[in-house]
């Protein structure tokens, strides 16, 4: 749909009445969410750093990840967010490398940079929040409504980043070379 590739049927004609109602509700919600966007808080975020999220059952991964960061020689500040149900600490850095606890760096990420697209793996996201604020904020709002979006629009948070950024016309880059452990299942990388 992103490439506007035509298919054998009009997408709206292929939907059941329940699906039409659901997608109409999602469309209205997206319009309402867009109206909730707030301006970037210049006074709040400063500097560069790594934000590592973990749960209490993932602390063993976190320890390995912190050791990998040490071996990389990075001088970036690291903030560890231990997620307790729905609560987490907001990253205080303006430029952030966001990592799940089981997503490791193998070299100093200080000079990372990022047009073609695979599924976005939200386990490792590098952002300059000021440049992509609208995309991040709409993604947050979509994830606040995860029951609707995960069930009917996306496969989870990894897709809400792509869809949110596109919805508010924020450019992003996805690394085309698989950069995690995993395997290929026919045509897709599963990491």
C-alpha atoms as a PDB file:
ATOM      1  CA  UNK A   1       0.000   0.000   0.000  1.00  0.00           C
ATOM      2  CA  UNK A   2       2.925   2.373   0.672  1.00  0.00           C
ATOM      3  CA  UNK A   3       4.155   1.975  -2.901  1.00  0.00           C
ATOM      4  CA  UNK A   4       0.614   2.422  -4.231  1.00  0.00           C
ATOM      5  CA  UNK A   5       0.849  -0.913  -5.992  1.00  0.00           C
ATOM      6  CA  UNK A   6      -2.494  -1.806  -7.506  1.00  0.00           C
ATOM      7  CA  UNK A   7      -4.004  -5.151  -6.652  1.00  0.00           C
ATOM      8  CA  UNK A   8      -6.787  -7.226  -8.113  1.00  0.00           C
ATOM      9  CA  UNK A   9      -9.429  -5.599  -5.965  1.00  0.00           C
ATOM     10  CA  UNK A  10     -10.025  -2.233  -4.399  1.00  0.00           C
ATOM     11  CA  UNK A  11      -8.950  -2.639  -0.758  1.00  0.00           C
ATOM     12  CA  UNK A  12     -12.165  -1.125   0.603  1.00  0.00           C
ATOM     13  CA  UNK A  13     -14.264  -3.509  -1.498  1.00  0.00           C
ATOM     14  CA  UNK A  14     -12.427  -6.507   0.014  1.00  0.00           C
ATOM     15  CA  UNK A  15     -13.350  -5.591   3.599  1.00  0.00           C
ATOM     16  CA  UNK A  16     -16.255  -6.964   5.579  1.00  0.00           C
ATOM     17  CA  UNK A  17     -18.689  -4.511   7.181  1.00  0.00           C
ATOM     18  CA  UNK A  18     -17.031  -5.060  10.594  1.00  0.00           C
ATOM     19  CA  UNK A  19     -13.603  -4.374   9.099  1.00  0.00           C
ATOM     20  CA  UNK A  20     -14.872  -1.208   7.402  1.00  0.00           C
ATOM     21  CA  UNK A  21     -16.208   0.048  10.734  1.00  0.00           C
ATOM     22  CA  UNK A  22     -12.951  -0.802  12.490  1.00  0.00           C
ATOM     23  CA  UNK A  23     -10.816   0.965   9.888  1.00  0.00           C
ATOM     24  CA  UNK A  24     -13.139   3.983   9.923  1.00  0.00           C
ATOM     25  CA  UNK A  25     -12.685   4.120  13.717  1.00  0.00           C
ATOM     26  CA  UNK A  26      -8.907   3.855  13.288  1.00  0.00           C
ATOM     27  CA  UNK A  27      -8.963   6.633  10.684  1.00  0.00           C
ATOM     28  CA  UNK A  28     -10.907   8.918  13.027  1.00  0.00           C
ATOM     29  CA  UNK A  29      -8.581   8.037  15.894  1.00  0.00           C
ATOM     30  CA  UNK A  30      -5.506   8.889  13.799  1.00  0.00           C
ATOM     31  CA  UNK A  31      -6.975  12.314  13.022  1.00  0.00           C
ATOM     32  CA  UNK A  32      -7.647  12.863  16.733  1.00  0.00           C
ATOM     33  CA  UNK A  33      -4.138  11.666  17.665  1.00  0.00           C
ATOM     34  CA  UNK A  34      -2.573  14.021  15.147  1.00  0.00           C
ATOM     35  CA  UNK A  35      -4.321  16.903  16.900  1.00  0.00           C
ATOM     36  CA  UNK A  36      -2.666  15.811  20.185  1.00  0.00           C
ATOM     37  CA  UNK A  37       0.883  16.327  18.899  1.00  0.00           C
ATOM     38  CA  UNK A  38       2.918  18.639  21.093  1.00  0.00           C
ATOM     39  CA  UNK A  39       5.952  20.731  20.197  1.00  0.00           C
ATOM     40  CA  UNK A  40       9.437  19.449  20.883  1.00  0.00           C
ATOM     41  CA  UNK A  41      10.495  20.466  24.426  1.00  0.00           C
ATOM     42  CA  UNK A  42      13.852  22.138  23.674  1.00  0.00           C
ATOM     43  CA  UNK A  43      14.581  22.749  27.342  1.00  0.00           C
ATOM     44  CA  UNK A  44      14.133  19.110  28.357  1.00  0.00           C
ATOM     45  CA  UNK A  45      16.422  16.922  26.207  1.00  0.00           C
ATOM     46  CA  UNK A  46      20.185  17.462  25.986  1.00  0.00           C
ATOM     47  CA  UNK A  47      23.199  15.600  24.649  1.00  0.00           C
ATOM     48  CA  UNK A  48      23.714  12.144  23.221  1.00  0.00           C
ATOM     49  CA  UNK A  49      23.401   8.777  24.836  1.00  0.00           C
ATOM     50  CA  UNK A  50      22.222   5.188  24.885  1.00  0.00           C
ATOM     51  CA  UNK A  51      18.936   4.173  26.465  1.00  0.00           C
ATOM     52  CA  UNK A  52      18.684   0.519  27.421  1.00  0.00           C
ATOM     53  CA  UNK A  53      15.307  -0.925  28.389  1.00  0.00           C
ATOM     54  CA  UNK A  54      14.945  -4.075  30.425  1.00  0.00           C
ATOM     55  CA  UNK A  55      12.573  -5.946  32.653  1.00  0.00           C
ATOM     56  CA  UNK A  56      13.486  -7.648  35.894  1.00  0.00           C
ATOM     57  CA  UNK A  57      13.533 -11.036  34.120  1.00  0.00           C
ATOM     58  CA  UNK A  58      16.006  -9.683  31.519  1.00  0.00           C
ATOM     59  CA  UNK A  59      18.707  -8.389  33.860  1.00  0.00           C
ATOM     60  CA  UNK A  60      21.162 -11.073  32.700  1.00  0.00           C
ATOM     61  CA  UNK A  61      20.929  -9.647  29.154  1.00  0.00           C
ATOM     62  CA  UNK A  62      21.379  -6.151  30.528  1.00  0.00           C
ATOM     63  CA  UNK A  63      24.618  -7.102  32.290  1.00  0.00           C
ATOM     64  CA  UNK A  64      26.014  -8.559  29.051  1.00  0.00           C
ATOM     65  CA  UNK A  65      24.860  -5.502  27.128  1.00  0.00           C
ATOM     66  CA  UNK A  66      26.570  -3.114  29.539  1.00  0.00           C
ATOM     67  CA  UNK A  67      29.772  -5.158  29.276  1.00  0.00           C
ATOM     68  CA  UNK A  68      29.563  -5.005  25.452  1.00  0.00           C
ATOM     69  CA  UNK A  69      29.208  -1.213  25.690  1.00  0.00           C
ATOM     70  CA  UNK A  70      32.284  -1.110  27.905  1.00  0.00           C
ATOM     71  CA  UNK A  71      34.250  -3.214  25.384  1.00  0.00           C
ATOM     72  CA  UNK A  72      33.148  -0.902  22.551  1.00  0.00           C
ATOM     73  CA  UNK A  73      34.974   1.971  24.216  1.00  0.00           C
ATOM     74  CA  UNK A  74      32.009   4.303  23.857  1.00  0.00           C
ATOM     75  CA  UNK A  75      32.002   7.499  25.874  1.00  0.00           C
ATOM     76  CA  UNK A  76      28.265   7.958  25.462  1.00  0.00           C
ATOM     77  CA  UNK A  77      26.150   8.206  28.604  1.00  0.00           C
ATOM     78  CA  UNK A  78      23.955   5.178  29.284  1.00  0.00           C
ATOM     79  CA  UNK A  79      20.527   5.280  30.876  1.00  0.00           C
ATOM     80  CA  UNK A  80      19.011   1.952  31.973  1.00  0.00           C
ATOM     81  CA  UNK A  81      15.220   1.843  32.187  1.00  0.00           C
ATOM     82  CA  UNK A  82      13.896  -1.082  34.193  1.00  0.00           C
ATOM     83  CA  UNK A  83      10.345  -1.450  33.027  1.00  0.00           C
ATOM     84  CA  UNK A  84       7.870  -2.228  35.770  1.00  0.00           C
ATOM     85  CA  UNK A  85       4.636  -3.003  33.984  1.00  0.00           C
ATOM     86  CA  UNK A  86       3.718   0.200  32.086  1.00  0.00           C
ATOM     87  CA  UNK A  87       6.090   2.596  33.868  1.00  0.00           C
ATOM     88  CA  UNK A  88       9.456   3.630  32.505  1.00  0.00           C
ATOM     89  CA  UNK A  89      11.844   6.540  32.684  1.00  0.00           C
ATOM     90  CA  UNK A  90      11.803   9.051  29.821  1.00  0.00           C
ATOM     91  CA  UNK A  91      15.214   9.323  28.119  1.00  0.00           C
ATOM     92  CA  UNK A  92      16.865  12.663  28.910  1.00  0.00           C
ATOM     93  CA  UNK A  93      19.104  12.680  25.822  1.00  0.00           C
ATOM     94  CA  UNK A  94      18.304  14.617  22.626  1.00  0.00           C
ATOM     95  CA  UNK A  95      20.090  12.084  20.396  1.00  0.00           C
ATOM     96  CA  UNK A  96      19.372   8.525  21.482  1.00  0.00           C
ATOM     97  CA  UNK A  97      20.347   5.006  20.561  1.00  0.00           C
ATOM     98  CA  UNK A  98      17.446   3.041  22.046  1.00  0.00           C
ATOM     99  CA  UNK A  99      18.190  -0.640  22.701  1.00  0.00           C
ATOM    100  CA  UNK A 100      16.216  -3.548  24.081  1.00  0.00           C
ATOM    101  CA  UNK A 101      18.200  -5.436  26.704  1.00  0.00           C
ATOM    102  CA  UNK A 102      18.987  -8.235  24.233  1.00  0.00           C
ATOM    103  CA  UNK A 103      20.147  -5.950  21.414  1.00  0.00           C
ATOM    104  CA  UNK A 104      23.926  -5.568  21.677  1.00  0.00           C
ATOM    105  CA  UNK A 105      26.401  -3.153  20.144  1.00  0.00           C
ATOM    106  CA  UNK A 106      29.657  -4.545  18.793  1.00  0.00           C
ATOM    107  CA  UNK A 107      31.454  -1.243  18.196  1.00  0.00           C
ATOM    108  CA  UNK A 108      31.241   2.301  19.472  1.00  0.00           C
ATOM    109  CA  UNK A 109      27.894   3.637  18.174  1.00  0.00           C
ATOM    110  CA  UNK A 110      28.860   7.300  18.497  1.00  0.00           C
ATOM    111  CA  UNK A 111      29.155   7.837  14.716  1.00  0.00           C
ATOM    112  CA  UNK A 112      26.130   5.866  13.489  1.00  0.00           C
ATOM    113  CA  UNK A 113      24.151   7.188  10.539  1.00  0.00           C
ATOM    114  CA  UNK A 114      21.450   5.969   8.502  1.00  0.00           C
ATOM    115  CA  UNK A 115      16.421   4.203   2.295  1.00  0.00           C
ATOM    116  CA  UNK A 116      14.945   1.060   1.450  1.00  0.00           C
ATOM    117  CA  UNK A 117      12.869  -0.793   3.874  1.00  0.00           C
ATOM    118  CA  UNK A 118      12.581  -3.996   5.825  1.00  0.00           C
ATOM    119  CA  UNK A 119      10.362  -4.444   8.826  1.00  0.00           C
ATOM    120  CA  UNK A 120      11.593  -2.078  11.475  1.00  0.00           C
ATOM    121  CA  UNK A 121      13.075  -3.857  14.468  1.00  0.00           C
ATOM    122  CA  UNK A 122      12.286  -1.608  17.398  1.00  0.00           C
ATOM    123  CA  UNK A 123      14.951  -3.355  19.488  1.00  0.00           C
ATOM    124  CA  UNK A 124      17.499  -0.852  18.209  1.00  0.00           C
ATOM    125  CA  UNK A 125      16.472   2.657  17.193  1.00  0.00           C
ATOM    126  CA  UNK A 126      18.801   5.600  16.678  1.00  0.00           C
ATOM    127  CA  UNK A 127      17.056   8.989  16.784  1.00  0.00           C
ATOM    128  CA  UNK A 128      17.685  12.685  16.949  1.00  0.00           C
ATOM    129  CA  UNK A 129      14.492  13.474  18.830  1.00  0.00           C
ATOM    130  CA  UNK A 130      14.348  17.095  17.733  1.00  0.00           C
ATOM    131  CA  UNK A 131      14.373  16.117  14.037  1.00  0.00           C
ATOM    132  CA  UNK A 132      11.846  13.284  14.352  1.00  0.00           C
ATOM    133  CA  UNK A 133       9.759  14.482  17.305  1.00  0.00           C
ATOM    134  CA  UNK A 134       6.408  14.359  15.484  1.00  0.00           C
ATOM    135  CA  UNK A 135       7.078  10.774  14.392  1.00  0.00           C
ATOM    136  CA  UNK A 136       8.084   9.675  17.876  1.00  0.00           C
ATOM    137  CA  UNK A 137       5.135  11.387  19.492  1.00  0.00           C
ATOM    138  CA  UNK A 138       2.515   9.965  17.117  1.00  0.00           C
ATOM    139  CA  UNK A 139       4.128   6.533  17.595  1.00  0.00           C
ATOM    140  CA  UNK A 140       3.769   6.963  21.362  1.00  0.00           C
ATOM    141  CA  UNK A 141       0.092   7.898  20.911  1.00  0.00           C
ATOM    142  CA  UNK A 142      -0.477   4.888  18.651  1.00  0.00           C
ATOM    143  CA  UNK A 143       1.143   2.619  21.231  1.00  0.00           C
ATOM    144  CA  UNK A 144      -1.043   4.180  23.931  1.00  0.00           C
ATOM    145  CA  UNK A 145      -3.905   2.729  21.842  1.00  0.00           C
ATOM    146  CA  UNK A 146      -2.120  -0.565  21.232  1.00  0.00           C
ATOM    147  CA  UNK A 147      -5.242  -2.714  21.619  1.00  0.00           C
ATOM    148  CA  UNK A 148      -6.635  -1.254  18.411  1.00  0.00           C
ATOM    149  CA  UNK A 149      -3.429  -0.792  16.418  1.00  0.00           C
ATOM    150  CA  UNK A 150      -1.760  -4.116  17.245  1.00  0.00           C
ATOM    151  CA  UNK A 151      -4.914  -6.079  16.471  1.00  0.00           C
ATOM    152  CA  UNK A 152      -5.938  -4.364  13.244  1.00  0.00           C
ATOM    153  CA  UNK A 153      -3.039  -2.375  11.813  1.00  0.00           C
ATOM    154  CA  UNK A 154       0.363  -3.645  12.878  1.00  0.00           C
ATOM    155  CA  UNK A 155       2.250  -6.584  14.254  1.00  0.00           C
ATOM    156  CA  UNK A 156       3.212  -4.633  17.354  1.00  0.00           C
ATOM    157  CA  UNK A 157       5.361  -1.678  18.311  1.00  0.00           C
ATOM    158  CA  UNK A 158       7.882  -2.251  15.527  1.00  0.00           C
ATOM    159  CA  UNK A 159       5.287  -1.374  12.884  1.00  0.00           C
ATOM    160  CA  UNK A 160       3.798   1.575  14.758  1.00  0.00           C
ATOM    161  CA  UNK A 161       7.141   3.345  14.382  1.00  0.00           C
ATOM    162  CA  UNK A 162       7.022   2.961  10.595  1.00  0.00           C
ATOM    163  CA  UNK A 163       3.343   3.833  10.312  1.00  0.00           C
ATOM    164  CA  UNK A 164       3.552   6.748  12.738  1.00  0.00           C
ATOM    165  CA  UNK A 165       6.546   8.303  11.021  1.00  0.00           C
ATOM    166  CA  UNK A 166       4.883   7.959   7.628  1.00  0.00           C
ATOM    167  CA  UNK A 167       1.595   9.353   8.894  1.00  0.00           C
ATOM    168  CA  UNK A 168       3.204  12.646   9.929  1.00  0.00           C
ATOM    169  CA  UNK A 169       5.682  12.673   7.000  1.00  0.00           C
ATOM    170  CA  UNK A 170       8.851  12.215   9.064  1.00  0.00           C
ATOM    171  CA  UNK A 171      11.723  10.667   7.129  1.00  0.00           C
ATOM    172  CA  UNK A 172      13.515   7.674   8.594  1.00  0.00           C
ATOM    173  CA  UNK A 173      16.093   5.154   7.520  1.00  0.00           C
ATOM    174  CA  UNK A 174      16.125   1.414   8.029  1.00  0.00           C
ATOM    175  CA  UNK A 175      19.437  -0.427   7.860  1.00  0.00           C
ATOM    176  CA  UNK A 176      19.198  -2.859   4.969  1.00  0.00           C
ATOM    177  CA  UNK A 177      21.837  -5.268   6.253  1.00  0.00           C
ATOM    178  CA  UNK A 178      20.479  -7.559   8.977  1.00  0.00           C
ATOM    179  CA  UNK A 179      22.314  -6.563  12.112  1.00  0.00           C
ATOM    180  CA  UNK A 180      21.150  -9.120  14.644  1.00  0.00           C
ATOM    181  CA  UNK A 181      21.376 -12.836  15.130  1.00  0.00           C
ATOM    182  CA  UNK A 182      18.667 -14.864  13.496  1.00  0.00           C
ATOM    183  CA  UNK A 183      17.836 -16.604  10.268  1.00  0.00           C
ATOM    184  CA  UNK A 184      16.140 -16.109   6.913  1.00  0.00           C
ATOM    185  CA  UNK A 185      12.796 -17.818   6.363  1.00  0.00           C
ATOM    186  CA  UNK A 186      12.523 -17.824   2.583  1.00  0.00           C
ATOM    187  CA  UNK A 187      12.488 -14.077   1.905  1.00  0.00           C
ATOM    188  CA  UNK A 188      12.492 -12.360   5.310  1.00  0.00           C
ATOM    189  CA  UNK A 189      15.067 -12.020   8.028  1.00  0.00           C
ATOM    190  CA  UNK A 190      13.839 -13.094  11.478  1.00  0.00           C
ATOM    191  CA  UNK A 191      16.112 -11.681  14.150  1.00  0.00           C
END
